Amino acid sequence: SVAKLVSHLSQGITLLPGTLISTGSPGGSGYS
C-alpha cells in the first residue's frame, strides 16, 4: 500500500517535502 511504501522508503532516509513517489503499474502493459 501507499502507507507501506512511504514507511519503507523513510527508514533511514529523510523524504523531503515535494518528493514524488511513483507507486507501480497494474497489469496490461503493451510489451506483454
PDB file of all heavy atoms in Angstrom:
ATOM      1  N   SER A   1       0.823  -1.202   0.000  1.00  0.00           N
ATOM      2  CA  SER A   1       0.000   0.000   0.000  1.00  0.00           C
ATOM      3  C   SER A   1       0.863   1.259   0.000  1.00  0.00           C
ATOM      4  O   SER A   1       2.075   1.209   0.253  1.00  0.00           O
ATOM      5  CB  SER A   1      -0.905   0.000   1.234  1.00  0.00           C
ATOM      6  OG  SER A   1      -0.113   0.149   2.413  1.00  0.00           O
ATOM      7  N   VAL A   2       0.220   2.385  -0.266  1.00  0.00           N
ATOM      8  CA  VAL A   2       0.931   3.667  -0.181  1.00  0.00           C
ATOM      9  C   VAL A   2       1.545   3.841   1.193  1.00  0.00           C
ATOM     10  O   VAL A   2       2.707   4.259   1.321  1.00  0.00           O
ATOM     11  CB  VAL A   2      -0.038   4.830  -0.503  1.00  0.00           C
ATOM     12  CG1 VAL A   2       0.626   6.171  -0.203  1.00  0.00           C
ATOM     13  CG2 VAL A   2      -0.491   4.769  -1.951  1.00  0.00           C
ATOM     14  N   ALA A   3       0.807   3.525   2.238  1.00  0.00           N
ATOM     15  CA  ALA A   3       1.329   3.677   3.602  1.00  0.00           C
ATOM     16  C   ALA A   3       2.565   2.804   3.807  1.00  0.00           C
ATOM     17  O   ALA A   3       3.561   3.248   4.405  1.00  0.00           O
ATOM     18  CB  ALA A   3       0.255   3.328   4.619  1.00  0.00           C
ATOM     19  N   LYS A   4       2.536   1.574   3.334  1.00  0.00           N
ATOM     20  CA  LYS A   4       3.694   0.694   3.474  1.00  0.00           C
ATOM     21  C   LYS A   4       4.890   1.233   2.707  1.00  0.00           C
ATOM     22  O   LYS A   4       6.028   1.179   3.191  1.00  0.00           O
ATOM     23  CB  LYS A   4       3.347  -0.719   2.996  1.00  0.00           C
ATOM     24  CG  LYS A   4       2.429  -1.485   3.937  1.00  0.00           C
ATOM     25  CD  LYS A   4       2.168  -2.887   3.407  1.00  0.00           C
ATOM     26  CE  LYS A   4       1.275  -3.663   4.379  1.00  0.00           C
ATOM     27  NZ  LYS A   4       0.980  -5.036   3.878  1.00  0.00           N
ATOM     28  N   LEU A   5       4.649   1.755   1.511  1.00  0.00           N
ATOM     29  CA  LEU A   5       5.750   2.276   0.710  1.00  0.00           C
ATOM     30  C   LEU A   5       6.388   3.497   1.353  1.00  0.00           C
ATOM     31  O   LEU A   5       7.618   3.601   1.426  1.00  0.00           O
ATOM     32  CB  LEU A   5       5.252   2.626  -0.697  1.00  0.00           C
ATOM     33  CG  LEU A   5       4.823   1.451  -1.571  1.00  0.00           C
ATOM     34  CD1 LEU A   5       4.258   1.964  -2.891  1.00  0.00           C
ATOM     35  CD2 LEU A   5       5.984   0.496  -1.817  1.00  0.00           C
ATOM     36  N   VAL A   6       5.567   4.434   1.812  1.00  0.00           N
ATOM     37  CA  VAL A   6       6.114   5.645   2.450  1.00  0.00           C
ATOM     38  C   VAL A   6       6.915   5.265   3.690  1.00  0.00           C
ATOM     39  O   VAL A   6       8.026   5.768   3.917  1.00  0.00           O
ATOM     40  CB  VAL A   6       4.989   6.631   2.799  1.00  0.00           C
ATOM     41  CG1 VAL A   6       5.529   7.790   3.649  1.00  0.00           C
ATOM     42  CG2 VAL A   6       4.338   7.180   1.536  1.00  0.00           C
ATOM     43  N   SER A   7       6.383   4.359   4.487  1.00  0.00           N
ATOM     44  CA  SER A   7       7.101   3.931   5.685  1.00  0.00           C
ATOM     45  C   SER A   7       8.427   3.270   5.311  1.00  0.00           C
ATOM     46  O   SER A   7       9.485   3.588   5.874  1.00  0.00           O
ATOM     47  CB  SER A   7       6.235   2.967   6.490  1.00  0.00           C
ATOM     48  OG  SER A   7       6.949   2.435   7.593  1.00  0.00           O
ATOM     49  N   HIS A   8       8.375   2.359   4.354  1.00  0.00           N
ATOM     50  CA  HIS A   8       9.590   1.643   3.944  1.00  0.00           C
ATOM     51  C   HIS A   8      10.650   2.600   3.410  1.00  0.00           C
ATOM     52  O   HIS A   8      11.828   2.523   3.795  1.00  0.00           O
ATOM     53  CB  HIS A   8       9.238   0.613   2.884  1.00  0.00           C
ATOM     54  CG  HIS A   8      10.426  -0.117   2.316  1.00  0.00           C
ATOM     55  ND1 HIS A   8      11.021  -1.190   2.948  1.00  0.00           N
ATOM     56  CD2 HIS A   8      11.145   0.094   1.174  1.00  0.00           C
ATOM     57  CE1 HIS A   8      12.046  -1.613   2.229  1.00  0.00           C
ATOM     58  NE2 HIS A   8      12.145  -0.854   1.148  1.00  0.00           N
ATOM     59  N   LEU A   9      10.260   3.509   2.545  1.00  0.00           N
ATOM     60  CA  LEU A   9      11.227   4.414   1.923  1.00  0.00           C
ATOM     61  C   LEU A   9      11.809   5.399   2.925  1.00  0.00           C
ATOM     62  O   LEU A   9      12.914   5.922   2.720  1.00  0.00           O
ATOM     63  CB  LEU A   9      10.563   5.172   0.774  1.00  0.00           C
ATOM     64  CG  LEU A   9      10.128   4.317  -0.430  1.00  0.00           C
ATOM     65  CD1 LEU A   9       9.314   5.146  -1.406  1.00  0.00           C
ATOM     66  CD2 LEU A   9      11.334   3.697  -1.115  1.00  0.00           C
ATOM     67  N   SER A  10      11.094   5.656   4.010  1.00  0.00           N
ATOM     68  CA  SER A  10      11.566   6.636   5.002  1.00  0.00           C
ATOM     69  C   SER A  10      12.524   6.048   6.027  1.00  0.00           C
ATOM     70  O   SER A  10      13.086   6.790   6.849  1.00  0.00           O
ATOM     71  CB  SER A  10      10.368   7.249   5.741  1.00  0.00           C
ATOM     72  OG  SER A  10       9.825   6.351   6.699  1.00  0.00           O
ATOM     73  N   GLN A  11      12.731   4.748   6.003  1.00  0.00           N
ATOM     74  CA  GLN A  11      13.597   4.146   7.006  1.00  0.00           C
ATOM     75  C   GLN A  11      15.055   4.528   6.756  1.00  0.00           C
ATOM     76  O   GLN A  11      15.680   4.092   5.797  1.00  0.00           O
ATOM     77  CB  GLN A  11      13.426   2.627   7.017  1.00  0.00           C
ATOM     78  CG  GLN A  11      12.011   2.173   7.338  1.00  0.00           C
ATOM     79  CD  GLN A  11      11.475   2.760   8.621  1.00  0.00           C
ATOM     80  OE1 GLN A  11      12.107   2.672   9.688  1.00  0.00           O
ATOM     81  NE2 GLN A  11      10.304   3.372   8.537  1.00  0.00           N
ATOM     82  N   GLY A  12      15.577   5.376   7.609  1.00  0.00           N
ATOM     83  CA  GLY A  12      16.962   5.829   7.498  1.00  0.00           C
ATOM     84  C   GLY A  12      17.180   6.890   6.442  1.00  0.00           C
ATOM     85  O   GLY A  12      18.302   7.380   6.272  1.00  0.00           O
ATOM     86  N   ILE A  13      16.141   7.260   5.723  1.00  0.00           N
ATOM     87  CA  ILE A  13      16.240   8.248   4.646  1.00  0.00           C
ATOM     88  C   ILE A  13      15.147   9.292   4.861  1.00  0.00           C
ATOM     89  O   ILE A  13      13.973   8.945   5.005  1.00  0.00           O
ATOM     90  CB  ILE A  13      16.047   7.598   3.261  1.00  0.00           C
ATOM     91  CG1 ILE A  13      17.147   6.574   2.993  1.00  0.00           C
ATOM     92  CG2 ILE A  13      16.016   8.643   2.158  1.00  0.00           C
ATOM     93  CD1 ILE A  13      16.923   5.769   1.717  1.00  0.00           C
ATOM     94  N   THR A  14      15.527  10.557   4.875  1.00  0.00           N
ATOM     95  CA  THR A  14      14.536  11.619   5.026  1.00  0.00           C
ATOM     96  C   THR A  14      13.905  11.909   3.678  1.00  0.00           C
ATOM     97  O   THR A  14      14.578  12.307   2.726  1.00  0.00           O
ATOM     98  CB  THR A  14      15.177  12.902   5.589  1.00  0.00           C
ATOM     99  OG1 THR A  14      15.780  12.611   6.851  1.00  0.00           O
ATOM    100  CG2 THR A  14      14.132  13.992   5.763  1.00  0.00           C
ATOM    101  N   LEU A  15      12.614  11.682   3.613  1.00  0.00           N
ATOM    102  CA  LEU A  15      11.848  12.046   2.424  1.00  0.00           C
ATOM    103  C   LEU A  15      11.490  13.524   2.562  1.00  0.00           C
ATOM    104  O   LEU A  15      10.706  13.910   3.423  1.00  0.00           O
ATOM    105  CB  LEU A  15      10.575  11.199   2.317  1.00  0.00           C
ATOM    106  CG  LEU A  15      10.771   9.680   2.306  1.00  0.00           C
ATOM    107  CD1 LEU A  15       9.424   8.974   2.207  1.00  0.00           C
ATOM    108  CD2 LEU A  15      11.697   9.251   1.174  1.00  0.00           C
ATOM    109  N   LEU A  16      12.077  14.353   1.719  1.00  0.00           N
ATOM    110  CA  LEU A  16      11.894  15.794   1.829  1.00  0.00           C
ATOM    111  C   LEU A  16      10.565  16.220   1.216  1.00  0.00           C
ATOM    112  O   LEU A  16      10.030  15.549   0.330  1.00  0.00           O
ATOM    113  CB  LEU A  16      13.047  16.514   1.136  1.00  0.00           C
ATOM    114  CG  LEU A  16      14.433  16.275   1.734  1.00  0.00           C
ATOM    115  CD1 LEU A  16      15.507  16.908   0.862  1.00  0.00           C
ATOM    116  CD2 LEU A  16      14.502  16.813   3.159  1.00  0.00           C
ATOM    117  N   PRO A  17      10.030  17.347   1.678  1.00  0.00           N
ATOM    118  CA  PRO A  17       8.788  17.855   1.079  1.00  0.00           C
ATOM    119  C   PRO A  17       8.942  18.024  -0.429  1.00  0.00           C
ATOM    120  O   PRO A  17       9.947  18.538  -0.908  1.00  0.00           O
ATOM    121  CB  PRO A  17       8.596  19.204   1.779  1.00  0.00           C
ATOM    122  CG  PRO A  17       9.306  19.054   3.087  1.00  0.00           C
ATOM    123  CD  PRO A  17      10.491  18.184   2.801  1.00  0.00           C
ATOM    124  N   GLY A  18       7.938  17.579  -1.164  1.00  0.00           N
ATOM    125  CA  GLY A  18       7.985  17.636  -2.624  1.00  0.00           C
ATOM    126  C   GLY A  18       8.481  16.378  -3.273  1.00  0.00           C
ATOM    127  O   GLY A  18       8.406  16.243  -4.504  1.00  0.00           O
ATOM    128  N   THR A  19       8.993  15.428  -2.490  1.00  0.00           N
ATOM    129  CA  THR A  19       9.411  14.146  -3.049  1.00  0.00           C
ATOM    130  C   THR A  19       8.231  13.483  -3.754  1.00  0.00           C
ATOM    131  O   THR A  19       7.125  13.417  -3.215  1.00  0.00           O
ATOM    132  CB  THR A  19       9.932  13.217  -1.940  1.00  0.00           C
ATOM    133  OG1 THR A  19      11.133  13.765  -1.393  1.00  0.00           O
ATOM    134  CG2 THR A  19      10.229  11.822  -2.465  1.00  0.00           C
ATOM    135  N   LEU A  20       8.481  12.999  -4.965  1.00  0.00           N
ATOM    136  CA  LEU A  20       7.462  12.294  -5.734  1.00  0.00           C
ATOM    137  C   LEU A  20       7.745  10.799  -5.679  1.00  0.00           C
ATOM    138  O   LEU A  20       8.860  10.360  -5.969  1.00  0.00           O
ATOM    139  CB  LEU A  20       7.469  12.769  -7.190  1.00  0.00           C
ATOM    140  CG  LEU A  20       6.578  11.997  -8.173  1.00  0.00           C
ATOM    141  CD1 LEU A  20       5.109  12.120  -7.803  1.00  0.00           C
ATOM    142  CD2 LEU A  20       6.828  12.458  -9.606  1.00  0.00           C
ATOM    143  N   ILE A  21       6.739  10.041  -5.296  1.00  0.00           N
ATOM    144  CA  ILE A  21       6.836   8.582  -5.276  1.00  0.00           C
ATOM    145  C   ILE A  21       5.848   8.031  -6.285  1.00  0.00           C
ATOM    146  O   ILE A  21       4.642   8.305  -6.216  1.00  0.00           O
ATOM    147  CB  ILE A  21       6.527   8.010  -3.875  1.00  0.00           C
ATOM    148  CG1 ILE A  21       7.480   8.597  -2.829  1.00  0.00           C
ATOM    149  CG2 ILE A  21       6.620   6.485  -3.893  1.00  0.00           C
ATOM    150  CD1 ILE A  21       7.100   8.250  -1.398  1.00  0.00           C
ATOM    151  N   SER A  22       6.354   7.263  -7.243  1.00  0.00           N
ATOM    152  CA  SER A  22       5.504   6.602  -8.224  1.00  0.00           C
ATOM    153  C   SER A  22       5.333   5.153  -7.783  1.00  0.00           C
ATOM    154  O   SER A  22       6.322   4.427  -7.596  1.00  0.00           O
ATOM    155  CB  SER A  22       6.145   6.685  -9.615  1.00  0.00           C
ATOM    156  OG  SER A  22       5.226   6.398 -10.622  1.00  0.00           O
ATOM    157  N   THR A  23       4.089   4.719  -7.592  1.00  0.00           N
ATOM    158  CA  THR A  23       3.821   3.538  -6.771  1.00  0.00           C
ATOM    159  C   THR A  23       3.657   2.227  -7.530  1.00  0.00           C
ATOM    160  O   THR A  23       3.269   1.222  -6.947  1.00  0.00           O
ATOM    161  CB  THR A  23       2.559   3.775  -5.927  1.00  0.00           C
ATOM    162  OG1 THR A  23       1.458   4.069  -6.799  1.00  0.00           O
ATOM    163  CG2 THR A  23       2.761   4.938  -4.964  1.00  0.00           C
ATOM    164  N   GLY A  24       3.962   2.212  -8.820  1.00  0.00           N
ATOM    165  CA  GLY A  24       3.887   0.965  -9.559  1.00  0.00           C
ATOM    166  C   GLY A  24       2.685   0.907 -10.482  1.00  0.00           C
ATOM    167  O   GLY A  24       1.706   1.637 -10.327  1.00  0.00           O
ATOM    168  N   SER A  25       2.774   0.009 -11.460  1.00  0.00           N
ATOM    169  CA  SER A  25       1.770  -0.085 -12.518  1.00  0.00           C
ATOM    170  C   SER A  25       1.033  -1.419 -12.458  1.00  0.00           C
ATOM    171  O   SER A  25       1.628  -2.458 -12.173  1.00  0.00           O
ATOM    172  CB  SER A  25       2.457   0.052 -13.886  1.00  0.00           C
ATOM    173  OG  SER A  25       1.532  -0.080 -14.936  1.00  0.00           O
ATOM    174  N   PRO A  26      -0.273  -1.394 -12.758  1.00  0.00           N
ATOM    175  CA  PRO A  26      -1.017  -2.656 -12.818  1.00  0.00           C
ATOM    176  C   PRO A  26      -0.717  -3.421 -14.102  1.00  0.00           C
ATOM    177  O   PRO A  26       0.062  -2.981 -14.953  1.00  0.00           O
ATOM    178  CB  PRO A  26      -2.479  -2.181 -12.784  1.00  0.00           C
ATOM    179  CG  PRO A  26      -2.444  -0.825 -13.403  1.00  0.00           C
ATOM    180  CD  PRO A  26      -1.123  -0.225 -12.980  1.00  0.00           C
ATOM    181  N   GLY A  27      -1.350  -4.564 -14.246  1.00  0.00           N
ATOM    182  CA  GLY A  27      -1.162  -5.373 -15.439  1.00  0.00           C
ATOM    183  C   GLY A  27      -1.774  -4.731 -16.671  1.00  0.00           C
ATOM    184  O   GLY A  27      -2.552  -3.779 -16.588  1.00  0.00           O
ATOM    185  N   GLY A  28      -1.395  -5.254 -17.832  1.00  0.00           N
ATOM    186  CA  GLY A  28      -1.923  -4.746 -19.087  1.00  0.00           C
ATOM    187  C   GLY A  28      -0.924  -3.984 -19.915  1.00  0.00           C
ATOM    188  O   GLY A  28      -1.302  -3.249 -20.834  1.00  0.00           O
ATOM    189  N   SER A  29       0.353  -4.142 -19.634  1.00  0.00           N
ATOM    190  CA  SER A  29       1.374  -3.422 -20.397  1.00  0.00           C
ATOM    191  C   SER A  29       1.348  -3.861 -21.855  1.00  0.00           C
ATOM    192  O   SER A  29       0.999  -5.002 -22.191  1.00  0.00           O
ATOM    193  CB  SER A  29       2.771  -3.663 -19.804  1.00  0.00           C
ATOM    194  OG  SER A  29       3.196  -4.990 -20.035  1.00  0.00           O
ATOM    195  N   GLY A  30       1.738  -2.931 -22.726  1.00  0.00           N
ATOM    196  CA  GLY A  30       1.724  -3.227 -24.148  1.00  0.00           C
ATOM    197  C   GLY A  30       2.767  -4.230 -24.570  1.00  0.00           C
ATOM    198  O   GLY A  30       2.564  -5.006 -25.511  1.00  0.00           O
ATOM    199  N   TYR A  31       3.905  -4.231 -23.879  1.00  0.00           N
ATOM    200  CA  TYR A  31       5.016  -5.110 -24.228  1.00  0.00           C
ATOM    201  C   TYR A  31       4.629  -6.575 -24.073  1.00  0.00           C
ATOM    202  O   TYR A  31       5.132  -7.447 -24.804  1.00  0.00           O
ATOM    203  CB  TYR A  31       6.211  -4.783 -23.330  1.00  0.00           C
ATOM    204  CG  TYR A  31       7.460  -5.579 -23.609  1.00  0.00           C
ATOM    205  CD1 TYR A  31       8.344  -5.190 -24.606  1.00  0.00           C
ATOM    206  CD2 TYR A  31       7.772  -6.709 -22.847  1.00  0.00           C
ATOM    207  CE1 TYR A  31       9.503  -5.916 -24.863  1.00  0.00           C
ATOM    208  CE2 TYR A  31       8.932  -7.435 -23.096  1.00  0.00           C
ATOM    209  CZ  TYR A  31       9.789  -7.032 -24.102  1.00  0.00           C
ATOM    210  OH  TYR A  31      10.929  -7.752 -24.343  1.00  0.00           O
ATOM    211  N   SER A  32       3.722  -6.847 -23.123  1.00  0.00           N
ATOM    212  CA  SER A  32       3.399  -8.230 -22.804  1.00  0.00           C
ATOM    213  C   SER A  32       2.216  -8.765 -23.591  1.00  0.00           C
ATOM    214  O   SER A  32       1.845  -9.931 -23.445  1.00  0.00           O
ATOM    215  CB  SER A  32       3.089  -8.343 -21.304  1.00  0.00           C
ATOM    216  OG  SER A  32       4.178  -7.861 -20.532  1.00  0.00           O
TER     217      SER A  32
END
